[in-house]
């Protein structure tokens, strides 16, 4: 029996990376852009929110590129992170509907569902960032220790949904 070694781990990691890259291929380049900040917990990605300018309202008519924050999408993403089998299709439909709404917005929009406080948060005055793992999101569904392990929103699924919308 061959010992488990780093070589096997590296091979699996490379295979996974090739498969993940081929899963989501950007095909739509017109219209508004949905931006998701994906940061490992502890890397300082919370500070990015303060530096994102210029900001605008979701339905403003500005022709200049600007960032709009979408609290409605934040609720959908939070629910998708822990969707149960009986609610998964409902939250996927809500995601698709919200992304379709984006298609009707100005192409200058850069839309974030992060960086805004949420009434659903354990800490409503904090901005939601969706870390990997996301301890705050995890604690809403389970014990703090387990929540840090299980709160992994699916970035590949979100990217596929955006391309399809």
Protein backbone atom coordinates (compact mmCIF):
# COMPACT_ATOMS: atom_id res chain seq x y z
CA UNK A 1 0.00 0.00 0.00
CA UNK A 2 1.41 3.38 -1.02
CA UNK A 3 1.71 5.97 1.74
CA UNK A 4 -0.48 9.04 1.46
CA UNK A 5 1.78 11.82 0.38
CA UNK A 6 1.86 15.37 -0.80
CA UNK A 7 2.29 14.28 -4.41
CA UNK A 8 -1.23 12.79 -4.47
CA UNK A 9 -2.61 15.91 -2.78
CA UNK A 10 -0.94 18.19 -5.35
CA UNK A 11 -2.30 16.09 -8.21
CA UNK A 12 -5.83 16.28 -6.81
CA UNK A 13 -5.50 20.03 -6.29
CA UNK A 14 -4.36 20.61 -9.86
CA UNK A 15 -7.18 18.45 -11.22
CA UNK A 16 -9.72 20.36 -9.13
CA UNK A 17 -8.34 23.71 -10.33
CA UNK A 18 -8.52 22.68 -14.00
CA UNK A 19 -12.10 21.49 -13.55
CA UNK A 20 -13.17 24.62 -11.65
CA UNK A 21 -11.69 26.92 -14.28
CA UNK A 22 -13.42 25.05 -17.09
CA UNK A 23 -16.76 25.07 -15.25
CA UNK A 24 -17.32 28.83 -15.49
CA UNK A 25 -16.30 30.49 -18.70
CA UNK A 26 -17.26 34.12 -19.03
CA UNK A 27 -19.38 34.59 -22.14
CA UNK A 28 -21.33 37.80 -21.44
CA UNK A 29 -19.35 41.03 -21.51
CA UNK A 30 -22.10 43.64 -21.99
CA UNK A 31 -24.42 45.09 -19.37
CA UNK A 32 -23.89 45.60 -15.65
CA UNK A 33 -21.27 43.65 -13.70
CA UNK A 34 -22.02 41.57 -10.60
CA UNK A 35 -19.00 41.79 -8.29
CA UNK A 36 -18.34 39.34 -5.45
CA UNK A 37 -15.44 39.86 -3.05
CA UNK A 38 -14.22 36.46 -1.95
CA UNK A 39 -11.67 36.66 0.81
CA UNK A 40 -10.23 34.19 3.22
CA UNK A 41 -11.05 35.05 6.80
CA UNK A 42 -8.27 37.14 8.26
CA UNK A 43 -6.87 38.56 4.98
CA UNK A 44 -8.14 42.11 5.51
CA UNK A 45 -10.83 42.09 2.84
CA UNK A 46 -13.24 44.02 5.10
CA UNK A 47 -11.20 47.17 4.47
CA UNK A 48 -11.99 46.97 0.77
CA UNK A 49 -15.57 48.14 1.39
CA UNK A 50 -14.39 51.54 2.55
CA UNK A 51 -12.32 52.08 -0.56
CA UNK A 52 -15.00 51.25 -3.15
CA UNK A 53 -16.00 54.50 -4.87
CA UNK A 54 -17.84 56.10 -6.51
CA UNK A 55 -21.05 54.74 -5.09
CA UNK A 56 -24.49 55.10 -6.62
CA UNK A 57 -28.06 53.95 -6.18
CA UNK A 58 -29.22 50.80 -7.91
CA UNK A 59 -31.64 52.63 -10.21
CA UNK A 60 -29.67 55.84 -10.82
CA UNK A 61 -29.12 56.92 -14.42
CA UNK A 62 -25.45 57.86 -14.09
CA UNK A 63 -23.41 56.92 -17.14
CA UNK A 64 -20.18 56.82 -15.17
CA UNK A 65 -19.05 53.47 -13.71
CA UNK A 66 -20.18 53.24 -10.10
CA UNK A 67 -20.85 50.71 -7.34
CA UNK A 68 -24.36 49.94 -6.13
CA UNK A 69 -24.99 47.83 -3.05
CA UNK A 70 -27.85 45.33 -3.18
CA UNK A 71 -29.22 44.23 0.19
CA UNK A 72 -31.91 42.11 -1.52
CA UNK A 73 -29.26 39.98 -3.21
CA UNK A 74 -27.45 39.67 0.11
CA UNK A 75 -30.52 37.95 1.60
CA UNK A 76 -30.67 35.51 -1.34
CA UNK A 77 -26.97 34.64 -1.06
CA UNK A 78 -27.24 34.15 2.71
CA UNK A 79 -30.16 31.76 2.24
CA UNK A 80 -28.42 29.84 -0.55
CA UNK A 81 -25.39 29.20 1.66
CA UNK A 82 -27.52 26.94 3.87
CA UNK A 83 -30.42 25.99 1.60
CA UNK A 84 -32.08 22.72 2.47
CA UNK A 85 -33.17 20.29 -0.26
CA UNK A 86 -36.78 21.52 -0.07
CA UNK A 87 -35.81 25.21 -0.33
CA UNK A 88 -32.84 25.05 -2.71
CA UNK A 89 -34.84 25.39 -5.93
CA UNK A 90 -36.84 28.32 -4.50
CA UNK A 91 -33.66 30.26 -3.60
CA UNK A 92 -32.08 29.43 -6.96
CA UNK A 93 -35.16 30.89 -8.69
CA UNK A 94 -34.87 34.03 -6.53
CA UNK A 95 -31.19 34.31 -7.49
CA UNK A 96 -32.05 33.98 -11.17
CA UNK A 97 -34.83 36.56 -10.87
CA UNK A 98 -32.55 39.07 -9.14
CA UNK A 99 -29.79 38.55 -11.72
CA UNK A 100 -32.32 39.03 -14.53
CA UNK A 101 -33.30 42.33 -12.89
CA UNK A 102 -29.65 43.36 -13.14
CA UNK A 103 -29.68 42.79 -16.91
CA UNK A 104 -32.07 45.75 -17.24
CA UNK A 105 -29.74 48.15 -15.45
CA UNK A 106 -27.19 50.48 -16.99
CA UNK A 107 -23.97 48.85 -18.17
CA UNK A 108 -22.04 51.26 -15.96
CA UNK A 109 -23.28 49.53 -12.80
CA UNK A 110 -21.00 47.38 -10.69
CA UNK A 111 -23.28 45.62 -8.22
CA UNK A 112 -22.18 44.25 -4.84
CA UNK A 113 -24.31 42.29 -2.40
CA UNK A 114 -21.61 42.67 0.21
CA UNK A 115 -20.35 45.71 2.15
CA UNK A 116 -23.73 46.73 3.51
CA UNK A 117 -25.21 46.15 6.97
CA UNK A 118 -27.97 43.57 7.20
CA UNK A 119 -30.89 43.19 9.56
CA UNK A 120 -30.33 39.42 9.26
CA UNK A 121 -26.84 39.70 10.71
CA UNK A 122 -25.93 38.80 14.26
CA UNK A 123 -24.12 42.14 14.21
CA UNK A 124 -26.48 44.45 12.21
CA UNK A 125 -24.04 47.38 12.19
CA UNK A 126 -21.31 45.29 10.51
CA UNK A 127 -20.96 44.94 6.78
CA UNK A 128 -21.49 41.45 5.40
CA UNK A 129 -18.46 40.24 3.45
CA UNK A 130 -18.96 36.49 2.93
CA UNK A 131 -15.58 35.23 4.04
CA UNK A 132 -14.26 31.72 3.49
CA UNK A 133 -15.14 30.34 5.95
CA UNK A 134 -17.75 32.84 7.16
CA UNK A 135 -17.98 32.53 10.94
CA UNK A 136 -20.81 35.04 11.37
CA UNK A 137 -22.94 33.41 8.69
CA UNK A 138 -22.16 29.97 10.09
CA UNK A 139 -23.13 30.91 13.64
CA UNK A 140 -26.63 31.75 12.43
CA UNK A 141 -27.20 28.10 11.53
CA UNK A 142 -25.13 26.10 13.98
CA UNK A 143 -22.68 26.22 16.87
CA UNK A 144 -19.82 28.68 16.45
CA UNK A 145 -17.22 25.93 16.10
CA UNK A 146 -19.20 24.06 13.44
CA UNK A 147 -20.38 27.20 11.66
CA UNK A 148 -16.84 28.23 10.85
CA UNK A 149 -16.41 24.94 9.01
CA UNK A 150 -19.75 24.70 7.22
CA UNK A 151 -20.35 28.26 5.96
CA UNK A 152 -18.91 28.02 2.46
CA UNK A 153 -21.05 29.82 -0.13
CA UNK A 154 -20.65 28.27 -3.57
CA UNK A 155 -18.86 30.88 -5.73
CA UNK A 156 -18.83 28.62 -8.80
CA UNK A 157 -22.63 28.17 -8.64
CA UNK A 158 -23.10 31.95 -8.30
CA UNK A 159 -20.87 32.59 -11.33
CA UNK A 160 -22.77 30.02 -13.40
CA UNK A 161 -26.09 31.60 -12.41
CA UNK A 162 -24.80 35.05 -13.43
CA UNK A 163 -23.73 33.77 -16.84
CA UNK A 164 -27.09 32.10 -17.40
CA UNK A 165 -29.10 35.20 -16.41
